[in-house]
PDBML (XML) file of the C-alpha atoms, coordinates in Angstrom:
<?xml version="1.0" encoding="UTF-8" ?>
<PDBx:datablock datablockName="MODEL"
   xmlns:PDBx="http://pdbml.pdb.org/schema/pdbx-v50.xsd"
   xmlns:xsi="http://www.w3.org/2001/XMLSchema-instance"
   xsi:schemaLocation="http://pdbml.pdb.org/schema/pdbx-v50.xsd pdbx-v50.xsd">
   <PDBx:atom_siteCategory>
      <PDBx:atom_site id="1">
         <PDBx:B_iso_or_equiv>0.00</PDBx:B_iso_or_equiv>
         <PDBx:Cartn_x>62.981</PDBx:Cartn_x>
         <PDBx:Cartn_y>25.889</PDBx:Cartn_y>
         <PDBx:Cartn_z>-28.035</PDBx:Cartn_z>
         <PDBx:auth_asym_id>A</PDBx:auth_asym_id>
         <PDBx:auth_atom_id>CA</PDBx:auth_atom_id>
         <PDBx:auth_comp_id>LYS</PDBx:auth_comp_id>
         <PDBx:auth_seq_id>1</PDBx:auth_seq_id>
         <PDBx:group_PDB>ATOM</PDBx:group_PDB>
         <PDBx:label_alt_id xsi:nil="true" />
         <PDBx:label_asym_id>A</PDBx:label_asym_id>
         <PDBx:label_atom_id>CA</PDBx:label_atom_id>
         <PDBx:label_comp_id>LYS</PDBx:label_comp_id>
         <PDBx:label_entity_id>1</PDBx:label_entity_id>
         <PDBx:label_seq_id>1</PDBx:label_seq_id>
         <PDBx:occupancy>1.00</PDBx:occupancy>
         <PDBx:pdbx_PDB_model_num>1</PDBx:pdbx_PDB_model_num>
         <PDBx:type_symbol>C</PDBx:type_symbol>
      </PDBx:atom_site>
      <PDBx:atom_site id="2">
         <PDBx:B_iso_or_equiv>0.00</PDBx:B_iso_or_equiv>
         <PDBx:Cartn_x>63.267</PDBx:Cartn_x>
         <PDBx:Cartn_y>27.733</PDBx:Cartn_y>
         <PDBx:Cartn_z>-31.305</PDBx:Cartn_z>
         <PDBx:auth_asym_id>A</PDBx:auth_asym_id>
         <PDBx:auth_atom_id>CA</PDBx:auth_atom_id>
         <PDBx:auth_comp_id>SER</PDBx:auth_comp_id>
         <PDBx:auth_seq_id>2</PDBx:auth_seq_id>
         <PDBx:group_PDB>ATOM</PDBx:group_PDB>
         <PDBx:label_alt_id xsi:nil="true" />
         <PDBx:label_asym_id>A</PDBx:label_asym_id>
         <PDBx:label_atom_id>CA</PDBx:label_atom_id>
         <PDBx:label_comp_id>SER</PDBx:label_comp_id>
         <PDBx:label_entity_id>1</PDBx:label_entity_id>
         <PDBx:label_seq_id>2</PDBx:label_seq_id>
         <PDBx:occupancy>1.00</PDBx:occupancy>
         <PDBx:pdbx_PDB_model_num>1</PDBx:pdbx_PDB_model_num>
         <PDBx:type_symbol>C</PDBx:type_symbol>
      </PDBx:atom_site>
      <PDBx:atom_site id="3">
         <PDBx:B_iso_or_equiv>0.00</PDBx:B_iso_or_equiv>
         <PDBx:Cartn_x>66.411</PDBx:Cartn_x>
         <PDBx:Cartn_y>29.644</PDBx:Cartn_y>
         <PDBx:Cartn_z>-30.222</PDBx:Cartn_z>
         <PDBx:auth_asym_id>A</PDBx:auth_asym_id>
         <PDBx:auth_atom_id>CA</PDBx:auth_atom_id>
         <PDBx:auth_comp_id>GLY</PDBx:auth_comp_id>
         <PDBx:auth_seq_id>3</PDBx:auth_seq_id>
         <PDBx:group_PDB>ATOM</PDBx:group_PDB>
         <PDBx:label_alt_id xsi:nil="true" />
         <PDBx:label_asym_id>A</PDBx:label_asym_id>
         <PDBx:label_atom_id>CA</PDBx:label_atom_id>
         <PDBx:label_comp_id>GLY</PDBx:label_comp_id>
         <PDBx:label_entity_id>1</PDBx:label_entity_id>
         <PDBx:label_seq_id>3</PDBx:label_seq_id>
         <PDBx:occupancy>1.00</PDBx:occupancy>
         <PDBx:pdbx_PDB_model_num>1</PDBx:pdbx_PDB_model_num>
         <PDBx:type_symbol>C</PDBx:type_symbol>
      </PDBx:atom_site>
      <PDBx:atom_site id="4">
         <PDBx:B_iso_or_equiv>0.00</PDBx:B_iso_or_equiv>
         <PDBx:Cartn_x>64.451</PDBx:Cartn_x>
         <PDBx:Cartn_y>33.076</PDBx:Cartn_y>
         <PDBx:Cartn_z>-30.968</PDBx:Cartn_z>
         <PDBx:auth_asym_id>A</PDBx:auth_asym_id>
         <PDBx:auth_atom_id>CA</PDBx:auth_atom_id>
         <PDBx:auth_comp_id>LEU</PDBx:auth_comp_id>
         <PDBx:auth_seq_id>4</PDBx:auth_seq_id>
         <PDBx:group_PDB>ATOM</PDBx:group_PDB>
         <PDBx:label_alt_id xsi:nil="true" />
         <PDBx:label_asym_id>A</PDBx:label_asym_id>
         <PDBx:label_atom_id>CA</PDBx:label_atom_id>
         <PDBx:label_comp_id>LEU</PDBx:label_comp_id>
         <PDBx:label_entity_id>1</PDBx:label_entity_id>
         <PDBx:label_seq_id>4</PDBx:label_seq_id>
         <PDBx:occupancy>1.00</PDBx:occupancy>
         <PDBx:pdbx_PDB_model_num>1</PDBx:pdbx_PDB_model_num>
         <PDBx:type_symbol>C</PDBx:type_symbol>
      </PDBx:atom_site>
      <PDBx:atom_site id="5">
         <PDBx:B_iso_or_equiv>0.00</PDBx:B_iso_or_equiv>
         <PDBx:Cartn_x>66.290</PDBx:Cartn_x>
         <PDBx:Cartn_y>35.616</PDBx:Cartn_y>
         <PDBx:Cartn_z>-29.296</PDBx:Cartn_z>
         <PDBx:auth_asym_id>A</PDBx:auth_asym_id>
         <PDBx:auth_atom_id>CA</PDBx:auth_atom_id>
         <PDBx:auth_comp_id>GLY</PDBx:auth_comp_id>
         <PDBx:auth_seq_id>5</PDBx:auth_seq_id>
         <PDBx:group_PDB>ATOM</PDBx:group_PDB>
         <PDBx:label_alt_id xsi:nil="true" />
         <PDBx:label_asym_id>A</PDBx:label_asym_id>
         <PDBx:label_atom_id>CA</PDBx:label_atom_id>
         <PDBx:label_comp_id>GLY</PDBx:label_comp_id>
         <PDBx:label_entity_id>1</PDBx:label_entity_id>
         <PDBx:label_seq_id>5</PDBx:label_seq_id>
         <PDBx:occupancy>1.00</PDBx:occupancy>
         <PDBx:pdbx_PDB_model_num>1</PDBx:pdbx_PDB_model_num>
         <PDBx:type_symbol>C</PDBx:type_symbol>
      </PDBx:atom_site>
      <PDBx:atom_site id="6">
         <PDBx:B_iso_or_equiv>0.00</PDBx:B_iso_or_equiv>
         <PDBx:Cartn_x>69.352</PDBx:Cartn_x>
         <PDBx:Cartn_y>33.630</PDBx:Cartn_y>
         <PDBx:Cartn_z>-27.745</PDBx:Cartn_z>
         <PDBx:auth_asym_id>A</PDBx:auth_asym_id>
         <PDBx:auth_atom_id>CA</PDBx:auth_atom_id>
         <PDBx:auth_comp_id>ILE</PDBx:auth_comp_id>
         <PDBx:auth_seq_id>6</PDBx:auth_seq_id>
         <PDBx:group_PDB>ATOM</PDBx:group_PDB>
         <PDBx:label_alt_id xsi:nil="true" />
         <PDBx:label_asym_id>A</PDBx:label_asym_id>
         <PDBx:label_atom_id>CA</PDBx:label_atom_id>
         <PDBx:label_comp_id>ILE</PDBx:label_comp_id>
         <PDBx:label_entity_id>1</PDBx:label_entity_id>
         <PDBx:label_seq_id>6</PDBx:label_seq_id>
         <PDBx:occupancy>1.00</PDBx:occupancy>
         <PDBx:pdbx_PDB_model_num>1</PDBx:pdbx_PDB_model_num>
         <PDBx:type_symbol>C</PDBx:type_symbol>
      </PDBx:atom_site>
      <PDBx:atom_site id="7">
         <PDBx:B_iso_or_equiv>0.00</PDBx:B_iso_or_equiv>
         <PDBx:Cartn_x>71.611</PDBx:Cartn_x>
         <PDBx:Cartn_y>33.588</PDBx:Cartn_y>
         <PDBx:Cartn_z>-30.706</PDBx:Cartn_z>
         <PDBx:auth_asym_id>A</PDBx:auth_asym_id>
         <PDBx:auth_atom_id>CA</PDBx:auth_atom_id>
         <PDBx:auth_comp_id>GLU</PDBx:auth_comp_id>
         <PDBx:auth_seq_id>7</PDBx:auth_seq_id>
         <PDBx:group_PDB>ATOM</PDBx:group_PDB>
         <PDBx:label_alt_id xsi:nil="true" />
         <PDBx:label_asym_id>A</PDBx:label_asym_id>
         <PDBx:label_atom_id>CA</PDBx:label_atom_id>
         <PDBx:label_comp_id>GLU</PDBx:label_comp_id>
         <PDBx:label_entity_id>1</PDBx:label_entity_id>
         <PDBx:label_seq_id>7</PDBx:label_seq_id>
         <PDBx:occupancy>1.00</PDBx:occupancy>
         <PDBx:pdbx_PDB_model_num>1</PDBx:pdbx_PDB_model_num>
         <PDBx:type_symbol>C</PDBx:type_symbol>
      </PDBx:atom_site>
      <PDBx:atom_site id="8">
         <PDBx:B_iso_or_equiv>0.00</PDBx:B_iso_or_equiv>
         <PDBx:Cartn_x>71.415</PDBx:Cartn_x>
         <PDBx:Cartn_y>37.308</PDBx:Cartn_y>
         <PDBx:Cartn_z>-30.927</PDBx:Cartn_z>
         <PDBx:auth_asym_id>A</PDBx:auth_asym_id>
         <PDBx:auth_atom_id>CA</PDBx:auth_atom_id>
         <PDBx:auth_comp_id>ALA</PDBx:auth_comp_id>
         <PDBx:auth_seq_id>8</PDBx:auth_seq_id>
         <PDBx:group_PDB>ATOM</PDBx:group_PDB>
         <PDBx:label_alt_id xsi:nil="true" />
         <PDBx:label_asym_id>A</PDBx:label_asym_id>
         <PDBx:label_atom_id>CA</PDBx:label_atom_id>
         <PDBx:label_comp_id>ALA</PDBx:label_comp_id>
         <PDBx:label_entity_id>1</PDBx:label_entity_id>
         <PDBx:label_seq_id>8</PDBx:label_seq_id>
         <PDBx:occupancy>1.00</PDBx:occupancy>
         <PDBx:pdbx_PDB_model_num>1</PDBx:pdbx_PDB_model_num>
         <PDBx:type_symbol>C</PDBx:type_symbol>
      </PDBx:atom_site>
      <PDBx:atom_site id="9">
         <PDBx:B_iso_or_equiv>0.00</PDBx:B_iso_or_equiv>
         <PDBx:Cartn_x>72.167</PDBx:Cartn_x>
         <PDBx:Cartn_y>37.789</PDBx:Cartn_y>
         <PDBx:Cartn_z>-27.349</PDBx:Cartn_z>
         <PDBx:auth_asym_id>A</PDBx:auth_asym_id>
         <PDBx:auth_atom_id>CA</PDBx:auth_atom_id>
         <PDBx:auth_comp_id>GLN</PDBx:auth_comp_id>
         <PDBx:auth_seq_id>9</PDBx:auth_seq_id>
         <PDBx:group_PDB>ATOM</PDBx:group_PDB>
         <PDBx:label_alt_id xsi:nil="true" />
         <PDBx:label_asym_id>A</PDBx:label_asym_id>
         <PDBx:label_atom_id>CA</PDBx:label_atom_id>
         <PDBx:label_comp_id>GLN</PDBx:label_comp_id>
         <PDBx:label_entity_id>1</PDBx:label_entity_id>
         <PDBx:label_seq_id>9</PDBx:label_seq_id>
         <PDBx:occupancy>1.00</PDBx:occupancy>
         <PDBx:pdbx_PDB_model_num>1</PDBx:pdbx_PDB_model_num>
         <PDBx:type_symbol>C</PDBx:type_symbol>
      </PDBx:atom_site>
      <PDBx:atom_site id="10">
         <PDBx:B_iso_or_equiv>0.00</PDBx:B_iso_or_equiv>
         <PDBx:Cartn_x>75.175</PDBx:Cartn_x>
         <PDBx:Cartn_y>35.517</PDBx:Cartn_y>
         <PDBx:Cartn_z>-27.812</PDBx:Cartn_z>
         <PDBx:auth_asym_id>A</PDBx:auth_asym_id>
         <PDBx:auth_atom_id>CA</PDBx:auth_atom_id>
         <PDBx:auth_comp_id>ARG</PDBx:auth_comp_id>
         <PDBx:auth_seq_id>10</PDBx:auth_seq_id>
         <PDBx:group_PDB>ATOM</PDBx:group_PDB>
         <PDBx:label_alt_id xsi:nil="true" />
         <PDBx:label_asym_id>A</PDBx:label_asym_id>
         <PDBx:label_atom_id>CA</PDBx:label_atom_id>
         <PDBx:label_comp_id>ARG</PDBx:label_comp_id>
         <PDBx:label_entity_id>1</PDBx:label_entity_id>
         <PDBx:label_seq_id>10</PDBx:label_seq_id>
         <PDBx:occupancy>1.00</PDBx:occupancy>
         <PDBx:pdbx_PDB_model_num>1</PDBx:pdbx_PDB_model_num>
         <PDBx:type_symbol>C</PDBx:type_symbol>
      </PDBx:atom_site>
      <PDBx:atom_site id="11">
         <PDBx:B_iso_or_equiv>0.00</PDBx:B_iso_or_equiv>
         <PDBx:Cartn_x>76.781</PDBx:Cartn_x>
         <PDBx:Cartn_y>37.286</PDBx:Cartn_y>
         <PDBx:Cartn_z>-30.521</PDBx:Cartn_z>
         <PDBx:auth_asym_id>A</PDBx:auth_asym_id>
         <PDBx:auth_atom_id>CA</PDBx:auth_atom_id>
         <PDBx:auth_comp_id>GLN</PDBx:auth_comp_id>
         <PDBx:auth_seq_id>11</PDBx:auth_seq_id>
         <PDBx:group_PDB>ATOM</PDBx:group_PDB>
         <PDBx:label_alt_id xsi:nil="true" />
         <PDBx:label_asym_id>A</PDBx:label_asym_id>
         <PDBx:label_atom_id>CA</PDBx:label_atom_id>
         <PDBx:label_comp_id>GLN</PDBx:label_comp_id>
         <PDBx:label_entity_id>1</PDBx:label_entity_id>
         <PDBx:label_seq_id>11</PDBx:label_seq_id>
         <PDBx:occupancy>1.00</PDBx:occupancy>
         <PDBx:pdbx_PDB_model_num>1</PDBx:pdbx_PDB_model_num>
         <PDBx:type_symbol>C</PDBx:type_symbol>
      </PDBx:atom_site>
      <PDBx:atom_site id="12">
         <PDBx:B_iso_or_equiv>0.00</PDBx:B_iso_or_equiv>
         <PDBx:Cartn_x>76.302</PDBx:Cartn_x>
         <PDBx:Cartn_y>40.442</PDBx:Cartn_y>
         <PDBx:Cartn_z>-28.909</PDBx:Cartn_z>
         <PDBx:auth_asym_id>A</PDBx:auth_asym_id>
         <PDBx:auth_atom_id>CA</PDBx:auth_atom_id>
         <PDBx:auth_comp_id>ALA</PDBx:auth_comp_id>
         <PDBx:auth_seq_id>12</PDBx:auth_seq_id>
         <PDBx:group_PDB>ATOM</PDBx:group_PDB>
         <PDBx:label_alt_id xsi:nil="true" />
         <PDBx:label_asym_id>A</PDBx:label_asym_id>
         <PDBx:label_atom_id>CA</PDBx:label_atom_id>
         <PDBx:label_comp_id>ALA</PDBx:label_comp_id>
         <PDBx:label_entity_id>1</PDBx:label_entity_id>
         <PDBx:label_seq_id>12</PDBx:label_seq_id>
         <PDBx:occupancy>1.00</PDBx:occupancy>
         <PDBx:pdbx_PDB_model_num>1</PDBx:pdbx_PDB_model_num>
         <PDBx:type_symbol>C</PDBx:type_symbol>
      </PDBx:atom_site>
      <PDBx:atom_site id="13">
         <PDBx:B_iso_or_equiv>0.00</PDBx:B_iso_or_equiv>
         <PDBx:Cartn_x>77.970</PDBx:Cartn_x>
         <PDBx:Cartn_y>39.294</PDBx:Cartn_y>
         <PDBx:Cartn_z>-25.941</PDBx:Cartn_z>
         <PDBx:auth_asym_id>A</PDBx:auth_asym_id>
         <PDBx:auth_atom_id>CA</PDBx:auth_atom_id>
         <PDBx:auth_comp_id>ILE</PDBx:auth_comp_id>
         <PDBx:auth_seq_id>13</PDBx:auth_seq_id>
         <PDBx:group_PDB>ATOM</PDBx:group_PDB>
         <PDBx:label_alt_id xsi:nil="true" />
         <PDBx:label_asym_id>A</PDBx:label_asym_id>
         <PDBx:label_atom_id>CA</PDBx:label_atom_id>
         <PDBx:label_comp_id>ILE</PDBx:label_comp_id>
         <PDBx:label_entity_id>1</PDBx:label_entity_id>
         <PDBx:label_seq_id>13</PDBx:label_seq_id>
         <PDBx:occupancy>1.00</PDBx:occupancy>
         <PDBx:pdbx_PDB_model_num>1</PDBx:pdbx_PDB_model_num>
         <PDBx:type_symbol>C</PDBx:type_symbol>
      </PDBx:atom_site>
      <PDBx:atom_site id="14">
         <PDBx:B_iso_or_equiv>0.00</PDBx:B_iso_or_equiv>
         <PDBx:Cartn_x>80.970</PDBx:Cartn_x>
         <PDBx:Cartn_y>37.626</PDBx:Cartn_y>
         <PDBx:Cartn_z>-28.174</PDBx:Cartn_z>
         <PDBx:auth_asym_id>A</PDBx:auth_asym_id>
         <PDBx:auth_atom_id>CA</PDBx:auth_atom_id>
         <PDBx:auth_comp_id>ALA</PDBx:auth_comp_id>
         <PDBx:auth_seq_id>14</PDBx:auth_seq_id>
         <PDBx:group_PDB>ATOM</PDBx:group_PDB>
         <PDBx:label_alt_id xsi:nil="true" />
         <PDBx:label_asym_id>A</PDBx:label_asym_id>
         <PDBx:label_atom_id>CA</PDBx:label_atom_id>
         <PDBx:label_comp_id>ALA</PDBx:label_comp_id>
         <PDBx:label_entity_id>1</PDBx:label_entity_id>
         <PDBx:label_seq_id>14</PDBx:label_seq_id>
         <PDBx:occupancy>1.00</PDBx:occupancy>
         <PDBx:pdbx_PDB_model_num>1</PDBx:pdbx_PDB_model_num>
         <PDBx:type_symbol>C</PDBx:type_symbol>
      </PDBx:atom_site>
      <PDBx:atom_site id="15">
         <PDBx:B_iso_or_equiv>0.00</PDBx:B_iso_or_equiv>
         <PDBx:Cartn_x>81.147</PDBx:Cartn_x>
         <PDBx:Cartn_y>40.955</PDBx:Cartn_y>
         <PDBx:Cartn_z>-30.041</PDBx:Cartn_z>
         <PDBx:auth_asym_id>A</PDBx:auth_asym_id>
         <PDBx:auth_atom_id>CA</PDBx:auth_atom_id>
         <PDBx:auth_comp_id>ARG</PDBx:auth_comp_id>
         <PDBx:auth_seq_id>15</PDBx:auth_seq_id>
         <PDBx:group_PDB>ATOM</PDBx:group_PDB>
         <PDBx:label_alt_id xsi:nil="true" />
         <PDBx:label_asym_id>A</PDBx:label_asym_id>
         <PDBx:label_atom_id>CA</PDBx:label_atom_id>
         <PDBx:label_comp_id>ARG</PDBx:label_comp_id>
         <PDBx:label_entity_id>1</PDBx:label_entity_id>
         <PDBx:label_seq_id>15</PDBx:label_seq_id>
         <PDBx:occupancy>1.00</PDBx:occupancy>
         <PDBx:pdbx_PDB_model_num>1</PDBx:pdbx_PDB_model_num>
         <PDBx:type_symbol>C</PDBx:type_symbol>
      </PDBx:atom_site>
      <PDBx:atom_site id="16">
         <PDBx:B_iso_or_equiv>0.00</PDBx:B_iso_or_equiv>
         <PDBx:Cartn_x>81.451</PDBx:Cartn_x>
         <PDBx:Cartn_y>42.829</PDBx:Cartn_y>
         <PDBx:Cartn_z>-26.867</PDBx:Cartn_z>
         <PDBx:auth_asym_id>A</PDBx:auth_asym_id>
         <PDBx:auth_atom_id>CA</PDBx:auth_atom_id>
         <PDBx:auth_comp_id>PHE</PDBx:auth_comp_id>
         <PDBx:auth_seq_id>16</PDBx:auth_seq_id>
         <PDBx:group_PDB>ATOM</PDBx:group_PDB>
         <PDBx:label_alt_id xsi:nil="true" />
         <PDBx:label_asym_id>A</PDBx:label_asym_id>
         <PDBx:label_atom_id>CA</PDBx:label_atom_id>
         <PDBx:label_comp_id>PHE</PDBx:label_comp_id>
         <PDBx:label_entity_id>1</PDBx:label_entity_id>
         <PDBx:label_seq_id>16</PDBx:label_seq_id>
         <PDBx:occupancy>1.00</PDBx:occupancy>
         <PDBx:pdbx_PDB_model_num>1</PDBx:pdbx_PDB_model_num>
         <PDBx:type_symbol>C</PDBx:type_symbol>
      </PDBx:atom_site>
      <PDBx:atom_site id="17">
         <PDBx:B_iso_or_equiv>0.00</PDBx:B_iso_or_equiv>
         <PDBx:Cartn_x>83.823</PDBx:Cartn_x>
         <PDBx:Cartn_y>40.431</PDBx:Cartn_y>
         <PDBx:Cartn_z>-25.018</PDBx:Cartn_z>
         <PDBx:auth_asym_id>A</PDBx:auth_asym_id>
         <PDBx:auth_atom_id>CA</PDBx:auth_atom_id>
         <PDBx:auth_comp_id>ALA</PDBx:auth_comp_id>
         <PDBx:auth_seq_id>17</PDBx:auth_seq_id>
         <PDBx:group_PDB>ATOM</PDBx:group_PDB>
         <PDBx:label_alt_id xsi:nil="true" />
         <PDBx:label_asym_id>A</PDBx:label_asym_id>
         <PDBx:label_atom_id>CA</PDBx:label_atom_id>
         <PDBx:label_comp_id>ALA</PDBx:label_comp_id>
         <PDBx:label_entity_id>1</PDBx:label_entity_id>
         <PDBx:label_seq_id>17</PDBx:label_seq_id>
         <PDBx:occupancy>1.00</PDBx:occupancy>
         <PDBx:pdbx_PDB_model_num>1</PDBx:pdbx_PDB_model_num>
         <PDBx:type_symbol>C</PDBx:type_symbol>
      </PDBx:atom_site>
      <PDBx:atom_site id="18">
         <PDBx:B_iso_or_equiv>0.00</PDBx:B_iso_or_equiv>
         <PDBx:Cartn_x>86.139</PDBx:Cartn_x>
         <PDBx:Cartn_y>40.531</PDBx:Cartn_y>
         <PDBx:Cartn_z>-28.302</PDBx:Cartn_z>
         <PDBx:auth_asym_id>A</PDBx:auth_asym_id>
         <PDBx:auth_atom_id>CA</PDBx:auth_atom_id>
         <PDBx:auth_comp_id>SER</PDBx:auth_comp_id>
         <PDBx:auth_seq_id>18</PDBx:auth_seq_id>
         <PDBx:group_PDB>ATOM</PDBx:group_PDB>
         <PDBx:label_alt_id xsi:nil="true" />
         <PDBx:label_asym_id>A</PDBx:label_asym_id>
         <PDBx:label_atom_id>CA</PDBx:label_atom_id>
         <PDBx:label_comp_id>SER</PDBx:label_comp_id>
         <PDBx:label_entity_id>1</PDBx:label_entity_id>
         <PDBx:label_seq_id>18</PDBx:label_seq_id>
         <PDBx:occupancy>1.00</PDBx:occupancy>
         <PDBx:pdbx_PDB_model_num>1</PDBx:pdbx_PDB_model_num>
         <PDBx:type_symbol>C</PDBx:type_symbol>
      </PDBx:atom_site>
      <PDBx:atom_site id="19">
         <PDBx:B_iso_or_equiv>0.00</PDBx:B_iso_or_equiv>
         <PDBx:Cartn_x>86.314</PDBx:Cartn_x>
         <PDBx:Cartn_y>44.129</PDBx:Cartn_y>
         <PDBx:Cartn_z>-28.393</PDBx:Cartn_z>
         <PDBx:auth_asym_id>A</PDBx:auth_asym_id>
         <PDBx:auth_atom_id>CA</PDBx:auth_atom_id>
         <PDBx:auth_comp_id>THR</PDBx:auth_comp_id>
         <PDBx:auth_seq_id>19</PDBx:auth_seq_id>
         <PDBx:group_PDB>ATOM</PDBx:group_PDB>
         <PDBx:label_alt_id xsi:nil="true" />
         <PDBx:label_asym_id>A</PDBx:label_asym_id>
         <PDBx:label_atom_id>CA</PDBx:label_atom_id>
         <PDBx:label_comp_id>THR</PDBx:label_comp_id>
         <PDBx:label_entity_id>1</PDBx:label_entity_id>
         <PDBx:label_seq_id>19</PDBx:label_seq_id>
         <PDBx:occupancy>1.00</PDBx:occupancy>
         <PDBx:pdbx_PDB_model_num>1</PDBx:pdbx_PDB_model_num>
         <PDBx:type_symbol>C</PDBx:type_symbol>
      </PDBx:atom_site>
      <PDBx:atom_site id="20">
         <PDBx:B_iso_or_equiv>0.00</PDBx:B_iso_or_equiv>
         <PDBx:Cartn_x>86.831</PDBx:Cartn_x>
         <PDBx:Cartn_y>44.500</PDBx:Cartn_y>
         <PDBx:Cartn_z>-24.786</PDBx:Cartn_z>
         <PDBx:auth_asym_id>A</PDBx:auth_asym_id>
         <PDBx:auth_atom_id>CA</PDBx:auth_atom_id>
         <PDBx:auth_comp_id>GLY</PDBx:auth_comp_id>
         <PDBx:auth_seq_id>20</PDBx:auth_seq_id>
         <PDBx:group_PDB>ATOM</PDBx:group_PDB>
         <PDBx:label_alt_id xsi:nil="true" />
         <PDBx:label_asym_id>A</PDBx:label_asym_id>
         <PDBx:label_atom_id>CA</PDBx:label_atom_id>
         <PDBx:label_comp_id>GLY</PDBx:label_comp_id>
         <PDBx:label_entity_id>1</PDBx:label_entity_id>
         <PDBx:label_seq_id>20</PDBx:label_seq_id>
         <PDBx:occupancy>1.00</PDBx:occupancy>
         <PDBx:pdbx_PDB_model_num>1</PDBx:pdbx_PDB_model_num>
         <PDBx:type_symbol>C</PDBx:type_symbol>
      </PDBx:atom_site>
      <PDBx:atom_site id="21">
         <PDBx:B_iso_or_equiv>0.00</PDBx:B_iso_or_equiv>
         <PDBx:Cartn_x>89.830</PDBx:Cartn_x>
         <PDBx:Cartn_y>41.835</PDBx:Cartn_y>
         <PDBx:Cartn_z>-24.866</PDBx:Cartn_z>
         <PDBx:auth_asym_id>A</PDBx:auth_asym_id>
         <PDBx:auth_atom_id>CA</PDBx:auth_atom_id>
         <PDBx:auth_comp_id>GLY</PDBx:auth_comp_id>
         <PDBx:auth_seq_id>21</PDBx:auth_seq_id>
         <PDBx:group_PDB>ATOM</PDBx:group_PDB>
         <PDBx:label_alt_id xsi:nil="true" />
         <PDBx:label_asym_id>A</PDBx:label_asym_id>
         <PDBx:label_atom_id>CA</PDBx:label_atom_id>
         <PDBx:label_comp_id>GLY</PDBx:label_comp_id>
         <PDBx:label_entity_id>1</PDBx:label_entity_id>
         <PDBx:label_seq_id>21</PDBx:label_seq_id>
         <PDBx:occupancy>1.00</PDBx:occupancy>
         <PDBx:pdbx_PDB_model_num>1</PDBx:pdbx_PDB_model_num>
         <PDBx:type_symbol>C</PDBx:type_symbol>
      </PDBx:atom_site>
      <PDBx:atom_site id="22">
         <PDBx:B_iso_or_equiv>0.00</PDBx:B_iso_or_equiv>
         <PDBx:Cartn_x>87.723</PDBx:Cartn_x>
         <PDBx:Cartn_y>39.617</PDBx:Cartn_y>
         <PDBx:Cartn_z>-22.395</PDBx:Cartn_z>
         <PDBx:auth_asym_id>A</PDBx:auth_asym_id>
         <PDBx:auth_atom_id>CA</PDBx:auth_atom_id>
         <PDBx:auth_comp_id>MET</PDBx:auth_comp_id>
         <PDBx:auth_seq_id>22</PDBx:auth_seq_id>
         <PDBx:group_PDB>ATOM</PDBx:group_PDB>
         <PDBx:label_alt_id xsi:nil="true" />
         <PDBx:label_asym_id>A</PDBx:label_asym_id>
         <PDBx:label_atom_id>CA</PDBx:label_atom_id>
         <PDBx:label_comp_id>MET</PDBx:label_comp_id>
         <PDBx:label_entity_id>1</PDBx:label_entity_id>
         <PDBx:label_seq_id>22</PDBx:label_seq_id>
         <PDBx:occupancy>1.00</PDBx:occupancy>
         <PDBx:pdbx_PDB_model_num>1</PDBx:pdbx_PDB_model_num>
         <PDBx:type_symbol>C</PDBx:type_symbol>
      </PDBx:atom_site>
      <PDBx:atom_site id="23">
         <PDBx:B_iso_or_equiv>0.00</PDBx:B_iso_or_equiv>
         <PDBx:Cartn_x>87.483</PDBx:Cartn_x>
         <PDBx:Cartn_y>35.919</PDBx:Cartn_y>
         <PDBx:Cartn_z>-22.405</PDBx:Cartn_z>
         <PDBx:auth_asym_id>A</PDBx:auth_asym_id>
         <PDBx:auth_atom_id>CA</PDBx:auth_atom_id>
         <PDBx:auth_comp_id>GLU</PDBx:auth_comp_id>
         <PDBx:auth_seq_id>23</PDBx:auth_seq_id>
         <PDBx:group_PDB>ATOM</PDBx:group_PDB>
         <PDBx:label_alt_id xsi:nil="true" />
         <PDBx:label_asym_id>A</PDBx:label_asym_id>
         <PDBx:label_atom_id>CA</PDBx:label_atom_id>
         <PDBx:label_comp_id>GLU</PDBx:label_comp_id>
         <PDBx:label_entity_id>1</PDBx:label_entity_id>
         <PDBx:label_seq_id>23</PDBx:label_seq_id>
         <PDBx:occupancy>1.00</PDBx:occupancy>
         <PDBx:pdbx_PDB_model_num>1</PDBx:pdbx_PDB_model_num>
         <PDBx:type_symbol>C</PDBx:type_symbol>
      </PDBx:atom_site>
      <PDBx:atom_site id="24">
         <PDBx:B_iso_or_equiv>0.00</PDBx:B_iso_or_equiv>
         <PDBx:Cartn_x>83.920</PDBx:Cartn_x>
         <PDBx:Cartn_y>34.272</PDBx:Cartn_y>
         <PDBx:Cartn_z>-21.828</PDBx:Cartn_z>
         <PDBx:auth_asym_id>A</PDBx:auth_asym_id>
         <PDBx:auth_atom_id>CA</PDBx:auth_atom_id>
         <PDBx:auth_comp_id>VAL</PDBx:auth_comp_id>
         <PDBx:auth_seq_id>24</PDBx:auth_seq_id>
         <PDBx:group_PDB>ATOM</PDBx:group_PDB>
         <PDBx:label_alt_id xsi:nil="true" />
         <PDBx:label_asym_id>A</PDBx:label_asym_id>
         <PDBx:label_atom_id>CA</PDBx:label_atom_id>
         <PDBx:label_comp_id>VAL</PDBx:label_comp_id>
         <PDBx:label_entity_id>1</PDBx:label_entity_id>
         <PDBx:label_seq_id>24</PDBx:label_seq_id>
         <PDBx:occupancy>1.00</PDBx:occupancy>
         <PDBx:pdbx_PDB_model_num>1</PDBx:pdbx_PDB_model_num>
         <PDBx:type_symbol>C</PDBx:type_symbol>
      </PDBx:atom_site>
   </PDBx:atom_siteCategory>
</PDBx:datablock>
């Protein structure tokens, strides 16, 4: 409900995908 941890995971995945040339 608070979003605790969710946004951090989302950003980590987004950065990884962007660096690796992946499309989520």
